[in-house]
């Protein structure tokens, strides 16, 4: 009986596809390939790279900023500054000319200068440096926390991807098993057709059984077509997750699909769900925004240094060159409560995220408990399907012997055959359900090593 059970289980676990070896190594290789090729995951990594550059941008605000600025003006008309040079100096010059009996001191005209500089340029190199600026400091801290937040988002996507890949892998296995089982059933029907043809030729039975067997042959042929389409769809979806050709062959790891060995559910490892890490980081960021919104009480102080040249008619000499150094102070003393209300909004965000964290934590506990219950149900269904297969195999063997002896109606043999086919299908479905349930528990526990 044990030998017979082994033969049945070995036949059920057989696949008409390429096999691989190693405890889960083939599937792990597929997962690692998806980590580097999946387009959705690449988008998450792009966001992570963006966060890294945002941090570098925030850090750069602490360093001196150097920029070149220049201007040129051409003006005529407008307001003027009138200087009565002639009125002030001409009487003096006239007196001097009389005293010296000469014309050495000529008469001068009053001068008028435009307020708008005409034909004037100013080019300078400005270096500025923040000395006290709490907004910059908090922006840098927020960027750092955002990197951890995005890394958690990458891990969330990875764990979902692992579950999707494993589920698709088991679905492909199940679809392949269905094709094989229906092909086996087709061989059995062909044998029935051969036997019924022989019975009809020898006058043992009429043509009814043969007609029924041929009808069953057509029915199974349709089931084979449907199962092959499901297998192609499962293969296409699995390859889509790996971002490769949709018709690429899939290697089935024989070390995983051994129905007589049910893998135990992963033991709780105390790992923190990456979704909770995301919420925790969002709390930290919201807290930093709150503190940043209250930092308006601290004045902003910066310094600058200008090195340049300015003058008229593009003259550049020792007199046109200059430097200017200074310190800037900005202190917002009154803004009609805008900063206070902004800080209150940030405080509400912190409280809201804390409530979301608590709710999500409880929901994950529920999710894990449901996943474990589903696993136990899947194991019970598998054990039941395995026993039903043994009984169906024995029942079909006995009925086949009686039918060949001419002591059984064909409809009874066909019923036994359908029971056997359905039992094989149920076993493959139940086994894939167990594997899927394990992948679900692994996802809820965040136990897969990324």
Protein backbone atom coordinates (compact mmCIF):
# COMPACT_ATOMS: atom_id res chain seq x y z
CA UNK A 1 0.00 0.00 0.00
CA UNK A 2 2.87 2.43 0.83
CA UNK A 3 4.55 1.58 -2.44
CA UNK A 4 1.32 2.25 -4.31
CA UNK A 5 0.85 5.57 -2.52
CA UNK A 6 4.36 6.63 -3.48
CA UNK A 7 3.77 5.72 -7.13
CA UNK A 8 0.53 7.73 -7.20
CA UNK A 9 2.09 10.77 -5.54
CA UNK A 10 5.11 10.60 -7.81
CA UNK A 11 2.84 10.50 -10.84
CA UNK A 12 0.86 13.47 -9.55
CA UNK A 13 3.99 15.51 -8.92
CA UNK A 14 5.39 14.81 -12.42
CA UNK A 15 5.37 17.71 -14.89
CA UNK A 16 5.88 17.78 -18.64
CA UNK A 17 8.12 20.86 -18.25
CA UNK A 18 11.77 21.48 -17.50
CA UNK A 19 12.80 20.73 -13.90
CA UNK A 20 15.34 22.43 -11.70
CA UNK A 21 16.93 21.31 -8.47
CA UNK A 22 17.85 22.85 -5.15
CA UNK A 23 15.56 23.81 -2.29
CA UNK A 24 13.80 26.80 -3.81
CA UNK A 25 16.90 28.02 -5.63
CA UNK A 26 15.20 28.28 -9.02
CA UNK A 27 12.35 30.37 -7.62
CA UNK A 28 14.77 32.54 -5.62
CA UNK A 29 16.76 33.15 -8.79
CA UNK A 30 13.59 34.27 -10.53
CA UNK A 31 12.83 36.63 -7.65
CA UNK A 32 16.32 38.13 -7.74
CA UNK A 33 15.96 38.58 -11.49
CA UNK A 34 12.69 40.42 -10.92
CA UNK A 35 14.41 42.68 -8.39
CA UNK A 36 16.70 43.92 -11.16
CA UNK A 37 14.27 43.83 -14.11
CA UNK A 38 10.75 44.61 -12.87
CA UNK A 39 9.66 47.98 -14.24
CA UNK A 40 7.50 48.90 -11.26
CA UNK A 41 10.41 48.28 -8.90
CA UNK A 42 12.67 50.37 -11.11
CA UNK A 43 10.27 53.26 -10.67
CA UNK A 44 10.51 52.89 -6.90
CA UNK A 45 14.31 52.95 -7.14
CA UNK A 46 14.11 56.09 -9.27
CA UNK A 47 12.12 57.74 -6.48
CA UNK A 48 14.77 56.61 -3.98
CA UNK A 49 17.52 58.12 -6.14
CA UNK A 50 15.49 61.31 -6.32
CA UNK A 51 15.33 61.42 -2.51
CA UNK A 52 19.11 60.99 -2.30
CA UNK A 53 19.64 63.92 -4.65
CA UNK A 54 17.14 65.97 -2.66
CA UNK A 55 19.26 65.35 0.46
CA UNK A 56 22.39 66.48 -1.39
CA UNK A 57 20.50 69.59 -2.48
CA UNK A 58 19.52 70.35 1.13
CA UNK A 59 23.11 69.91 2.31
CA UNK A 60 24.38 72.27 -0.37
CA UNK A 61 22.38 75.12 1.20
CA UNK A 62 24.85 75.17 4.10
CA UNK A 63 27.75 76.02 1.77
CA UNK A 64 28.60 79.42 0.25
CA UNK A 65 26.67 80.40 -2.85
CA UNK A 66 28.63 82.29 -5.51
CA UNK A 67 27.03 84.10 -8.39
CA UNK A 68 27.98 86.67 -11.03
CA UNK A 69 25.66 89.65 -11.50
CA UNK A 70 25.94 92.63 -13.78
CA UNK A 71 23.94 95.57 -15.08
CA UNK A 72 24.30 98.37 -17.61
CA UNK A 73 22.15 101.52 -17.81
CA UNK A 74 21.68 104.11 -20.51
CA UNK A 75 19.54 107.09 -19.43
CA UNK A 76 18.46 110.56 -20.46
CA UNK A 77 16.03 112.98 -18.80
CA UNK A 78 14.28 112.55 -15.53
CA UNK A 79 15.21 114.04 -12.18
CA UNK A 80 18.52 115.87 -11.78
CA UNK A 81 20.79 117.17 -9.04
CA UNK A 82 21.64 120.83 -9.66
CA UNK A 83 24.96 122.06 -8.25
CA UNK A 84 25.54 125.90 -8.49
CA UNK A 85 29.24 125.65 -9.10
CA UNK A 86 29.35 128.84 -11.20
CA UNK A 87 27.37 130.89 -8.71
CA UNK A 88 29.74 129.87 -5.92
CA UNK A 89 33.11 130.09 -7.69
CA UNK A 90 32.73 132.75 -10.38
CA UNK A 91 32.86 135.75 -7.94
CA UNK A 92 35.97 134.33 -6.36
CA UNK A 93 37.56 133.69 -9.75
CA UNK A 94 36.76 137.25 -10.88
CA UNK A 95 38.43 138.68 -7.79
CA UNK A 96 41.52 136.54 -8.35
CA UNK A 97 41.73 137.63 -11.97
CA UNK A 98 41.63 141.30 -10.88
CA UNK A 99 44.30 140.73 -8.24
CA UNK A 100 46.59 138.91 -10.62
CA UNK A 101 45.70 141.18 -13.55
CA UNK A 102 45.17 138.02 -15.65
CA UNK A 103 42.52 135.57 -16.91
CA UNK A 104 43.90 132.48 -15.24
CA UNK A 105 40.62 131.71 -13.53
CA UNK A 106 37.87 131.24 -16.14
CA UNK A 107 34.19 131.57 -15.43
CA UNK A 108 32.30 128.27 -14.78
CA UNK A 109 28.77 127.12 -15.60
CA UNK A 110 26.38 125.74 -13.01
CA UNK A 111 26.29 121.89 -13.22
CA UNK A 112 23.24 119.58 -13.46
CA UNK A 113 23.58 115.78 -13.04
CA UNK A 114 20.98 113.13 -13.91
CA UNK A 115 19.83 110.96 -11.00
CA UNK A 116 19.56 108.03 -13.44
CA UNK A 117 23.12 106.94 -14.28
CA UNK A 118 23.91 107.30 -17.96
CA UNK A 119 26.23 104.84 -19.69
CA UNK A 120 26.93 103.20 -16.35
CA UNK A 121 27.89 99.57 -15.65
CA UNK A 122 28.14 97.47 -12.49
CA UNK A 123 29.55 93.91 -12.52
CA UNK A 124 30.24 92.04 -9.31
CA UNK A 125 30.80 88.53 -7.94
CA UNK A 126 28.60 87.91 -4.89
CA UNK A 127 29.38 85.24 -2.29
CA UNK A 128 26.62 84.62 0.26
CA UNK A 129 26.55 82.29 3.25
CA UNK A 130 23.73 81.55 5.72
CA UNK A 131 24.87 81.88 9.32
CA UNK A 132 21.64 81.18 11.19
CA UNK A 133 18.71 79.62 9.31
CA UNK A 134 16.57 77.01 11.05
CA UNK A 135 14.48 76.35 7.93
CA UNK A 136 17.55 75.07 6.10
CA UNK A 137 18.50 72.86 9.05
CA UNK A 138 15.03 71.31 9.27
CA UNK A 139 14.88 70.88 5.50
CA UNK A 140 18.07 68.82 5.70
CA UNK A 141 16.63 66.65 8.48
CA UNK A 142 13.40 66.13 6.53
CA UNK A 143 15.34 65.02 3.44
CA UNK A 144 17.25 62.46 5.54
CA UNK A 145 14.03 60.97 6.92
CA UNK A 146 12.53 60.97 3.41
CA UNK A 147 15.28 58.62 2.24
CA UNK A 148 14.37 56.06 4.90
CA UNK A 149 10.71 56.54 3.96
CA UNK A 150 11.40 55.84 0.29
CA UNK A 151 13.59 52.84 1.14
CA UNK A 152 10.66 51.41 3.10
CA UNK A 153 8.46 52.01 0.04
CA UNK A 154 10.94 50.06 -2.07
CA UNK A 155 10.82 47.18 0.42
CA UNK A 156 7.00 47.24 0.45
CA UNK A 157 6.99 46.90 -3.33
CA UNK A 158 9.62 44.16 -3.20
CA UNK A 159 7.66 42.07 -0.71
CA UNK A 160 4.49 42.43 -2.75
CA UNK A 161 6.47 41.47 -5.84
CA UNK A 162 7.83 38.37 -4.08
CA UNK A 163 4.32 37.26 -3.20
CA UNK A 164 3.03 37.95 -6.73
CA UNK A 165 5.91 36.01 -8.29
CA UNK A 166 5.44 33.02 -6.02
CA UNK A 167 1.68 33.01 -6.55
CA UNK A 168 2.16 33.22 -10.34
CA UNK A 169 4.75 30.44 -10.15
CA UNK A 170 2.35 28.13 -8.31
CA UNK A 171 -0.46 29.03 -10.70
CA UNK A 172 1.75 28.07 -13.61
CA UNK A 173 2.53 24.78 -11.87
CA UNK A 174 -1.16 24.16 -11.30
CA UNK A 175 -2.03 24.98 -14.92
CA UNK A 176 0.69 22.63 -16.15
CA UNK A 177 -0.60 19.89 -13.87
CA UNK A 178 -4.10 20.33 -15.29
CA UNK A 179 -2.76 19.88 -18.83
CA UNK A 180 -0.93 16.72 -17.79
CA UNK A 181 -3.93 15.30 -15.92
CA UNK A 182 -6.26 15.86 -18.85
CA UNK A 183 -3.73 14.28 -21.21
CA UNK A 184 -3.64 11.23 -18.93
CA UNK A 185 -7.44 11.14 -18.92
CA UNK A 186 -7.37 11.30 -22.71
CA UNK A 187 -5.12 8.26 -22.83
CA UNK A 188 -7.58 6.43 -20.58
CA UNK A 189 -10.48 7.33 -22.87
CA UNK A 190 -8.51 6.15 -25.90
CA UNK A 191 -7.98 2.85 -24.11
CA UNK A 192 -11.73 2.70 -23.44
CA UNK A 193 -12.42 3.33 -27.12
CA UNK A 194 -10.06 0.49 -28.04
CA UNK A 195 -11.74 -1.89 -25.57
CA UNK A 196 -15.27 -0.89 -26.64
CA UNK A 197 -14.33 -1.26 -30.31
CA UNK A 198 -13.11 -4.78 -29.54
CA UNK A 199 -16.32 -5.56 -27.59
CA UNK A 200 -18.43 -4.28 -30.46
CA UNK A 201 -16.52 -6.37 -33.01
CA UNK A 202 -16.99 -9.48 -30.88
CA UNK A 203 -20.68 -8.76 -30.26
CA UNK A 204 -20.15 -8.36 -26.53
CA UNK A 205 -21.87 -4.94 -26.42
CA UNK A 206 -23.67 -2.50 -28.66
CA UNK A 207 -22.37 0.79 -30.06
CA UNK A 208 -23.73 2.93 -27.20
CA UNK A 209 -20.62 2.57 -25.04
CA UNK A 210 -18.33 3.33 -27.97
CA UNK A 211 -20.35 6.43 -28.87
CA UNK A 212 -20.25 7.59 -25.26
CA UNK A 213 -16.48 7.05 -25.11
CA UNK A 214 -15.94 9.12 -28.28
CA UNK A 215 -18.10 11.91 -26.87
CA UNK A 216 -16.02 11.86 -23.70
CA UNK A 217 -12.90 12.08 -25.87
CA UNK A 218 -14.14 15.30 -27.45
CA UNK A 219 -15.05 16.71 -24.05
CA UNK A 220 -11.57 16.07 -22.68
CA UNK A 221 -9.99 17.54 -25.82
CA UNK A 222 -11.86 20.78 -25.11
CA UNK A 223 -10.68 20.69 -21.49
CA UNK A 224 -7.10 20.22 -22.67
CA UNK A 225 -7.40 23.30 -24.91
CA UNK A 226 -8.77 25.35 -22.03
CA UNK A 227 -6.05 24.12 -19.65
CA UNK A 228 -3.31 24.91 -22.19
CA UNK A 229 -4.67 28.45 -22.60
CA UNK A 230 -4.62 28.92 -18.82
CA UNK A 231 -1.05 27.65 -18.77
CA UNK A 232 -0.02 30.12 -21.48
CA UNK A 233 -1.72 32.97 -19.61
CA UNK A 234 -0.01 31.96 -16.36
CA UNK A 235 3.36 31.83 -18.14
CA UNK A 236 2.78 35.26 -19.71
CA UNK A 237 1.88 36.85 -16.36
CA UNK A 238 4.89 35.31 -14.60
CA UNK A 239 7.23 36.55 -17.35
CA UNK A 240 5.56 39.97 -17.20
CA UNK A 241 6.54 40.27 -13.55
CA UNK A 242 10.13 39.45 -14.51
CA UNK A 243 10.03 41.90 -17.45
CA UNK A 244 11.09 39.34 -20.02
CA UNK A 245 9.59 37.76 -23.14
CA UNK A 246 6.03 36.64 -22.33
CA UNK A 247 6.59 33.26 -23.97
CA UNK A 248 9.92 32.53 -22.28
CA UNK A 249 10.06 29.01 -20.77
CA UNK A 250 9.68 28.61 -17.02
CA UNK A 251 11.73 26.13 -15.03
CA UNK A 252 9.78 24.24 -12.37
CA UNK A 253 11.76 23.49 -9.22
CA UNK A 254 11.11 19.84 -8.41
CA UNK A 255 12.35 20.29 -4.85
CA UNK A 256 9.35 22.52 -4.10
CA UNK A 257 6.58 20.46 -5.65
CA UNK A 258 6.68 17.24 -3.64
CA UNK A 259 3.08 16.70 -2.55
CA UNK A 260 3.92 14.18 0.16
CA UNK A 261 5.92 16.87 1.96
CA UNK A 262 3.88 19.82 3.19
CA UNK A 263 6.11 22.70 4.13
CA UNK A 264 5.34 24.22 7.54
CA UNK A 265 4.21 27.81 7.79
CA UNK A 266 7.02 30.30 8.50
CA UNK A 267 7.49 30.89 12.21
CA UNK A 268 6.91 34.48 13.38
CA UNK A 269 10.23 36.29 13.28
CA UNK A 270 9.24 39.53 14.96
CA UNK A 271 10.00 41.51 11.82
CA UNK A 272 8.45 44.96 11.49
CA UNK A 273 6.26 45.48 8.45
CA UNK A 274 7.73 47.99 6.05
CA UNK A 275 4.35 49.72 5.86
CA UNK A 276 4.69 50.51 9.58
CA UNK A 277 8.19 51.82 8.93
CA UNK A 278 6.68 54.12 6.31
CA UNK A 279 4.10 55.45 8.74
CA UNK A 280 6.74 55.88 11.43
CA UNK A 281 8.91 57.89 9.04
CA UNK A 282 5.92 59.97 8.01
CA UNK A 283 5.37 60.76 11.69
CA UNK A 284 8.98 61.87 12.05
CA UNK A 285 8.72 64.06 8.97
CA UNK A 286 5.44 65.59 10.17
CA UNK A 287 7.05 66.28 13.55
CA UNK A 288 9.97 68.01 11.83
CA UNK A 289 7.54 70.11 9.78
CA UNK A 290 5.83 71.08 13.03
CA UNK A 291 9.10 72.14 14.61
CA UNK A 292 10.11 73.93 11.42
CA UNK A 293 6.86 75.91 11.37
CA UNK A 294 7.57 77.08 14.93
CA UNK A 295 11.15 78.10 14.16
CA UNK A 296 10.04 81.50 12.81
CA UNK A 297 10.89 82.90 16.27
CA UNK A 298 14.56 82.39 15.43
CA UNK A 299 15.93 85.18 13.19
CA UNK A 300 17.70 84.41 9.93
CA UNK A 301 21.20 85.80 9.64
CA UNK A 302 23.39 85.62 6.55
CA UNK A 303 26.49 87.35 5.26
CA UNK A 304 27.68 88.36 1.80
CA UNK A 305 30.76 89.68 0.01
CA UNK A 306 30.71 91.51 -3.34
CA UNK A 307 33.85 91.87 -5.49
CA UNK A 308 33.29 93.90 -8.62
CA UNK A 309 33.80 96.95 -10.79
CA UNK A 310 31.50 99.87 -11.65
CA UNK A 311 31.88 103.08 -13.58
CA UNK A 312 30.90 105.13 -16.59
CA UNK A 313 31.82 104.56 -20.22
CA UNK A 314 33.15 101.06 -19.42
CA UNK A 315 36.18 102.43 -17.65
CA UNK A 316 38.04 99.86 -15.57
CA UNK A 317 40.78 101.10 -13.29
CA UNK A 318 41.74 101.28 -9.63
CA UNK A 319 38.87 103.65 -8.90
CA UNK A 320 36.21 101.46 -10.54
CA UNK A 321 37.09 98.29 -8.64
CA UNK A 322 35.40 97.79 -5.27
CA UNK A 323 34.39 95.29 -2.60
CA UNK A 324 31.38 95.30 -0.31
CA UNK A 325 30.78 93.07 2.72
CA UNK A 326 27.70 92.97 4.88
CA UNK A 327 25.39 91.02 7.15
CA UNK A 328 21.66 90.51 6.55
CA UNK A 329 19.06 90.01 9.26
CA UNK A 330 15.50 88.79 8.72
CA UNK A 331 13.20 88.38 11.69
CA UNK A 332 9.49 87.90 11.15
CA UNK A 333 7.87 89.59 14.12
CA UNK A 334 4.23 89.68 13.03
CA UNK A 335 2.30 87.78 10.36
CA UNK A 336 -1.29 87.85 11.70
CA UNK A 337 -0.95 84.31 13.14
CA UNK A 338 -0.03 82.61 9.84
CA UNK A 339 2.92 80.73 11.33
CA UNK A 340 0.93 79.72 14.41
CA UNK A 341 -1.89 78.27 12.32
CA UNK A 342 0.59 76.47 10.10
CA UNK A 343 2.17 74.90 13.18
CA UNK A 344 -1.25 73.78 14.41
CA UNK A 345 -1.93 72.08 11.07
CA UNK A 346 1.40 70.25 11.32
CA UNK A 347 0.52 69.13 14.86
CA UNK A 348 -2.76 67.68 13.58
CA UNK A 349 -0.82 65.78 10.88
CA UNK A 350 1.35 64.20 13.59
CA UNK A 351 -1.72 63.06 15.56
CA UNK A 352 -3.42 61.77 12.42
CA UNK A 353 -0.40 59.70 11.45
CA UNK A 354 -0.18 58.24 14.95
CA UNK A 355 -3.81 57.11 14.69
CA UNK A 356 -3.11 55.63 11.25
CA UNK A 357 -0.10 53.78 12.64
CA UNK A 358 -2.16 52.25 15.44
CA UNK A 359 -4.95 51.22 13.07
CA UNK A 360 -2.55 49.74 10.53
CA UNK A 361 -0.68 47.80 13.21
CA UNK A 362 -3.91 46.15 14.37
CA UNK A 363 -5.00 45.44 10.79
CA UNK A 364 -1.69 43.68 10.14
CA UNK A 365 -2.24 41.47 13.19
CA UNK A 366 -5.64 40.56 11.76
CA UNK A 367 -4.12 39.96 8.33
CA UNK A 368 -1.51 37.63 9.78
CA UNK A 369 -4.08 35.67 11.78
CA UNK A 370 -6.29 35.26 8.69
CA UNK A 371 -3.29 34.13 6.63
CA UNK A 372 -2.39 31.49 9.23
CA UNK A 373 -6.00 30.25 9.36
CA UNK A 374 -6.07 30.05 5.58
CA UNK A 375 -2.88 28.00 5.69
CA UNK A 376 -4.37 25.49 8.11
CA UNK A 377 -7.46 25.23 5.91
CA UNK A 378 -5.32 24.71 2.81
CA UNK A 379 -3.33 21.95 4.55
CA UNK A 380 -6.54 20.20 5.65
CA UNK A 381 -7.93 20.42 2.11
CA UNK A 382 -4.70 19.03 0.71
CA UNK A 383 -4.68 16.05 3.05
CA UNK A 384 -8.30 15.35 2.19
CA UNK A 385 -7.57 15.63 -1.55
CA UNK A 386 -4.61 13.27 -1.18
CA UNK A 387 -6.76 10.61 0.50
CA UNK A 388 -9.49 11.07 -2.10
CA UNK A 389 -6.94 10.51 -4.85
CA UNK A 390 -5.83 7.21 -3.31
CA UNK A 391 -9.41 6.04 -3.00
CA UNK A 392 -10.30 7.18 -6.52
CA UNK A 393 -7.27 5.42 -7.96
CA UNK A 394 -8.23 2.17 -6.26
CA UNK A 395 -11.88 2.57 -7.25
CA UNK A 396 -10.96 3.18 -10.92
CA UNK A 397 -8.59 0.19 -11.01
CA UNK A 398 -11.24 -2.12 -9.59
CA UNK A 399 -13.94 -0.82 -11.93
CA UNK A 400 -11.67 -1.13 -14.95
CA UNK A 401 -11.00 -4.81 -14.21
CA UNK A 402 -14.71 -5.54 -13.80
CA UNK A 403 -15.55 -3.67 -17.01
CA UNK A 404 -12.96 -5.54 -19.05
CA UNK A 405 -14.51 -8.73 -17.72
CA UNK A 406 -17.83 -7.59 -19.19
CA UNK A 407 -19.56 -7.29 -15.81
CA UNK A 408 -19.92 -3.49 -15.61
CA UNK A 409 -21.74 -0.81 -17.56
CA UNK A 410 -19.51 1.70 -19.33
CA UNK A 411 -21.28 4.60 -17.63
CA UNK A 412 -20.06 3.26 -14.29
CA UNK A 413 -16.49 2.99 -15.58
CA UNK A 414 -16.73 6.54 -16.95
CA UNK A 415 -17.92 7.77 -13.57
CA UNK A 416 -14.89 6.17 -11.91
CA UNK A 417 -12.58 7.71 -14.49
CA UNK A 418 -14.08 11.20 -13.99
CA UNK A 419 -13.72 10.80 -10.23
CA UNK A 420 -10.03 9.99 -10.67
CA UNK A 421 -9.44 12.95 -13.00
CA UNK A 422 -11.22 15.32 -10.64
CA UNK A 423 -9.29 13.93 -7.66
CA UNK A 424 -5.99 14.61 -9.43
CA UNK A 425 -7.10 18.13 -10.30
CA UNK A 426 -8.23 18.79 -6.75
CA UNK A 427 -4.90 17.57 -5.39
CA UNK A 428 -2.93 19.92 -7.65
CA UNK A 429 -5.25 22.80 -6.73
CA UNK A 430 -4.98 22.02 -3.02
CA UNK A 431 -1.21 21.73 -3.15
CA UNK A 432 -0.85 25.06 -4.99
CA UNK A 433 -3.21 26.59 -2.40
CA UNK A 434 -0.89 25.45 0.39
CA UNK A 435 2.12 27.01 -1.32
CA UNK A 436 0.20 30.23 -1.95
CA UNK A 437 -0.91 30.33 1.70
CA UNK A 438 2.73 29.99 2.80
CA UNK A 439 3.68 32.89 0.52
CA UNK A 440 0.85 34.92 2.04
CA UNK A 441 2.09 34.24 5.58
CA UNK A 442 5.60 35.12 4.51
CA UNK A 443 4.26 38.43 3.21
CA UNK A 444 2.31 39.23 6.39
CA UNK A 445 5.37 38.45 8.53
CA UNK A 446 7.81 40.27 6.23
CA UNK A 447 10.06 37.24 6.67
CA UNK A 448 11.52 36.98 3.15
CA UNK A 449 15.13 38.17 3.17
CA UNK A 450 15.38 41.02 0.70
